[in-house]
Amino acid sequence: MLVTYGLEARSHWFVLAFAFSCAMGSTYGFLQGAWPFGLVEAVWSVVAVRRWWLKRAATVER
């Protein structure tokens, strides 16, 4: 998660990888019973997918 976050400026694919890693962190949080952590990671995943969508759209328009 940390590596993909650090590389987000290089490509919109790293933003998508960050969203995926947040979703995986959310799943882990819910499975271990730490639902607040799972909830926060789920929100971060949605935010990252939205940023990926906007960044990808901006790249396609060029």
N, C-alpha and C. Protein backbone atom coordinates (compact mmCIF):
# COMPACT_ATOMS: atom_id res chain seq x y z
N MET A 1 0.83 -1.18 0.00
CA MET A 1 0.00 0.00 0.00
C MET A 1 0.88 1.25 0.00
N LEU A 2 1.88 1.25 0.83
CA LEU A 2 2.75 2.42 0.94
C LEU A 2 3.53 2.66 -0.35
N VAL A 3 4.00 1.60 -0.96
CA VAL A 3 4.77 1.73 -2.21
C VAL A 3 3.89 2.28 -3.33
N THR A 4 2.68 1.73 -3.47
CA THR A 4 1.80 2.21 -4.54
C THR A 4 1.38 3.65 -4.29
N TYR A 5 1.19 4.03 -3.04
CA TYR A 5 0.85 5.42 -2.74
C TYR A 5 1.99 6.35 -3.13
N GLY A 6 3.20 5.93 -2.88
CA GLY A 6 4.36 6.75 -3.23
C GLY A 6 4.58 6.89 -4.73
N LEU A 7 4.09 5.92 -5.50
CA LEU A 7 4.30 5.94 -6.95
C LEU A 7 3.10 6.45 -7.74
N GLU A 8 2.08 6.95 -7.06
CA GLU A 8 0.85 7.39 -7.73
C GLU A 8 1.08 8.46 -8.80
N ALA A 9 2.05 9.32 -8.61
CA ALA A 9 2.29 10.39 -9.58
C ALA A 9 2.82 9.86 -10.92
N ARG A 10 3.35 8.67 -10.93
CA ARG A 10 3.93 8.11 -12.16
C ARG A 10 2.90 7.58 -13.14
N SER A 11 1.82 7.00 -12.64
CA SER A 11 0.84 6.40 -13.53
C SER A 11 -0.49 6.23 -12.81
N HIS A 12 -1.57 6.29 -13.59
CA HIS A 12 -2.88 6.07 -12.98
C HIS A 12 -3.04 4.62 -12.53
N TRP A 13 -2.21 3.71 -13.06
CA TRP A 13 -2.28 2.31 -12.63
C TRP A 13 -1.84 2.14 -11.19
N PHE A 14 -0.93 2.98 -10.72
CA PHE A 14 -0.52 2.90 -9.31
C PHE A 14 -1.65 3.38 -8.39
N VAL A 15 -2.47 4.29 -8.87
CA VAL A 15 -3.63 4.73 -8.10
C VAL A 15 -4.61 3.56 -7.95
N LEU A 16 -4.81 2.83 -9.04
CA LEU A 16 -5.69 1.66 -8.99
C LEU A 16 -5.10 0.57 -8.09
N ALA A 17 -3.80 0.39 -8.14
CA ALA A 17 -3.15 -0.59 -7.25
C ALA A 17 -3.31 -0.17 -5.79
N PHE A 18 -3.24 1.12 -5.52
CA PHE A 18 -3.46 1.61 -4.16
C PHE A 18 -4.89 1.32 -3.72
N ALA A 19 -5.86 1.54 -4.61
CA ALA A 19 -7.26 1.24 -4.29
C ALA A 19 -7.44 -0.24 -3.98
N PHE A 20 -6.80 -1.09 -4.76
CA PHE A 20 -6.89 -2.53 -4.53
C PHE A 20 -6.26 -2.91 -3.19
N SER A 21 -5.12 -2.32 -2.88
CA SER A 21 -4.48 -2.65 -1.60
C SER A 21 -5.30 -2.15 -0.42
N CYS A 22 -5.98 -1.03 -0.59
CA CYS A 22 -6.89 -0.55 0.47
C CYS A 22 -8.06 -1.51 0.64
N ALA A 23 -8.58 -2.01 -0.47
CA ALA A 23 -9.68 -2.98 -0.40
C ALA A 23 -9.23 -4.26 0.29
N MET A 24 -8.01 -4.69 0.02
CA MET A 24 -7.49 -5.88 0.68
C MET A 24 -7.28 -5.62 2.17
N GLY A 25 -6.80 -4.43 2.52
CA GLY A 25 -6.66 -4.07 3.93
C GLY A 25 -7.99 -4.02 4.63
N SER A 26 -9.01 -3.54 3.94
CA SER A 26 -10.35 -3.49 4.49
C SER A 26 -10.87 -4.89 4.76
N THR A 27 -10.68 -5.78 3.80
CA THR A 27 -11.10 -7.16 3.97
C THR A 27 -10.42 -7.80 5.17
N TYR A 28 -9.13 -7.59 5.29
CA TYR A 28 -8.37 -8.12 6.43
C TYR A 28 -8.91 -7.55 7.74
N GLY A 29 -9.18 -6.26 7.76
CA GLY A 29 -9.70 -5.65 8.98
C GLY A 29 -11.03 -6.24 9.40
N PHE A 30 -11.93 -6.42 8.45
CA PHE A 30 -13.23 -7.01 8.78
C PHE A 30 -13.09 -8.47 9.21
N LEU A 31 -12.21 -9.22 8.55
CA LEU A 31 -12.04 -10.64 8.89
C LEU A 31 -11.45 -10.84 10.28
N GLN A 32 -10.60 -9.93 10.72
CA GLN A 32 -10.01 -10.10 12.05
C GLN A 32 -10.86 -9.47 13.14
N GLY A 33 -11.95 -8.82 12.75
CA GLY A 33 -12.87 -8.25 13.73
C GLY A 33 -12.60 -6.80 14.07
N ALA A 34 -11.68 -6.17 13.38
CA ALA A 34 -11.38 -4.76 13.61
C ALA A 34 -12.20 -3.93 12.62
N TRP A 35 -13.51 -3.88 12.84
CA TRP A 35 -14.39 -3.24 11.87
C TRP A 35 -14.13 -1.75 11.68
N PRO A 36 -13.66 -0.98 12.70
CA PRO A 36 -13.35 0.43 12.40
C PRO A 36 -12.22 0.57 11.37
N PHE A 37 -11.20 -0.26 11.50
CA PHE A 37 -10.11 -0.25 10.52
C PHE A 37 -10.62 -0.66 9.15
N GLY A 38 -11.44 -1.71 9.11
CA GLY A 38 -12.01 -2.16 7.85
C GLY A 38 -12.86 -1.10 7.19
N LEU A 39 -13.61 -0.38 7.98
CA LEU A 39 -14.47 0.69 7.46
C LEU A 39 -13.64 1.83 6.88
N VAL A 40 -12.62 2.24 7.60
CA VAL A 40 -11.76 3.34 7.12
C VAL A 40 -11.05 2.95 5.83
N GLU A 41 -10.54 1.74 5.78
CA GLU A 41 -9.86 1.29 4.56
C GLU A 41 -10.83 1.17 3.40
N ALA A 42 -12.08 0.79 3.66
CA ALA A 42 -13.08 0.73 2.60
C ALA A 42 -13.35 2.13 2.03
N VAL A 43 -13.42 3.11 2.91
CA VAL A 43 -13.62 4.49 2.45
C VAL A 43 -12.43 4.95 1.62
N TRP A 44 -11.21 4.66 2.08
CA TRP A 44 -10.02 5.03 1.32
C TRP A 44 -10.01 4.35 -0.04
N SER A 45 -10.50 3.12 -0.10
CA SER A 45 -10.55 2.41 -1.36
C SER A 45 -11.50 3.10 -2.34
N VAL A 46 -12.65 3.51 -1.87
CA VAL A 46 -13.61 4.22 -2.73
C VAL A 46 -13.03 5.55 -3.21
N VAL A 47 -12.39 6.27 -2.32
CA VAL A 47 -11.75 7.54 -2.69
C VAL A 47 -10.67 7.31 -3.74
N ALA A 48 -9.88 6.27 -3.57
CA ALA A 48 -8.80 5.99 -4.53
C ALA A 48 -9.36 5.58 -5.88
N VAL A 49 -10.43 4.80 -5.91
CA VAL A 49 -11.04 4.42 -7.18
C VAL A 49 -11.56 5.66 -7.90
N ARG A 50 -12.15 6.57 -7.15
CA ARG A 50 -12.62 7.82 -7.76
C ARG A 50 -11.44 8.62 -8.32
N ARG A 51 -10.34 8.71 -7.59
CA ARG A 51 -9.17 9.44 -8.09
C ARG A 51 -8.60 8.75 -9.33
N TRP A 52 -8.60 7.42 -9.34
CA TRP A 52 -8.13 6.68 -10.51
C TRP A 52 -9.02 6.98 -11.71
N TRP A 53 -10.32 6.97 -11.52
CA TRP A 53 -11.26 7.23 -12.61
C TRP A 53 -11.03 8.62 -13.20
N LEU A 54 -10.88 9.61 -12.34
CA LEU A 54 -10.66 10.98 -12.82
C LEU A 54 -9.31 11.14 -13.50
N LYS A 55 -8.28 10.51 -12.96
CA LYS A 55 -6.95 10.62 -13.54
C LYS A 55 -6.88 9.87 -14.87
N ARG A 56 -7.56 8.73 -14.95
CA ARG A 56 -7.60 7.97 -16.19
C ARG A 56 -8.36 8.74 -17.26
N ALA A 57 -9.46 9.37 -16.89
CA ALA A 57 -10.24 10.17 -17.85
C ALA A 57 -9.41 11.34 -18.37
N ALA A 58 -8.64 11.96 -17.50
CA ALA A 58 -7.80 13.07 -17.92
C ALA A 58 -6.70 12.60 -18.87
N THR A 59 -6.20 11.39 -18.66
CA THR A 59 -5.16 10.84 -19.54
C THR A 59 -5.73 10.49 -20.91
N VAL A 60 -6.94 9.96 -20.94
CA VAL A 60 -7.57 9.57 -22.20
C VAL A 60 -7.90 10.79 -23.05
N GLU A 61 -8.28 11.88 -22.42
CA GLU A 61 -8.64 13.09 -23.15
C GLU A 61 -7.46 13.74 -23.87
N ARG A 62 -6.26 13.48 -23.40
CA ARG A 62 -5.09 14.11 -24.01
C ARG A 62 -4.83 13.61 -25.35
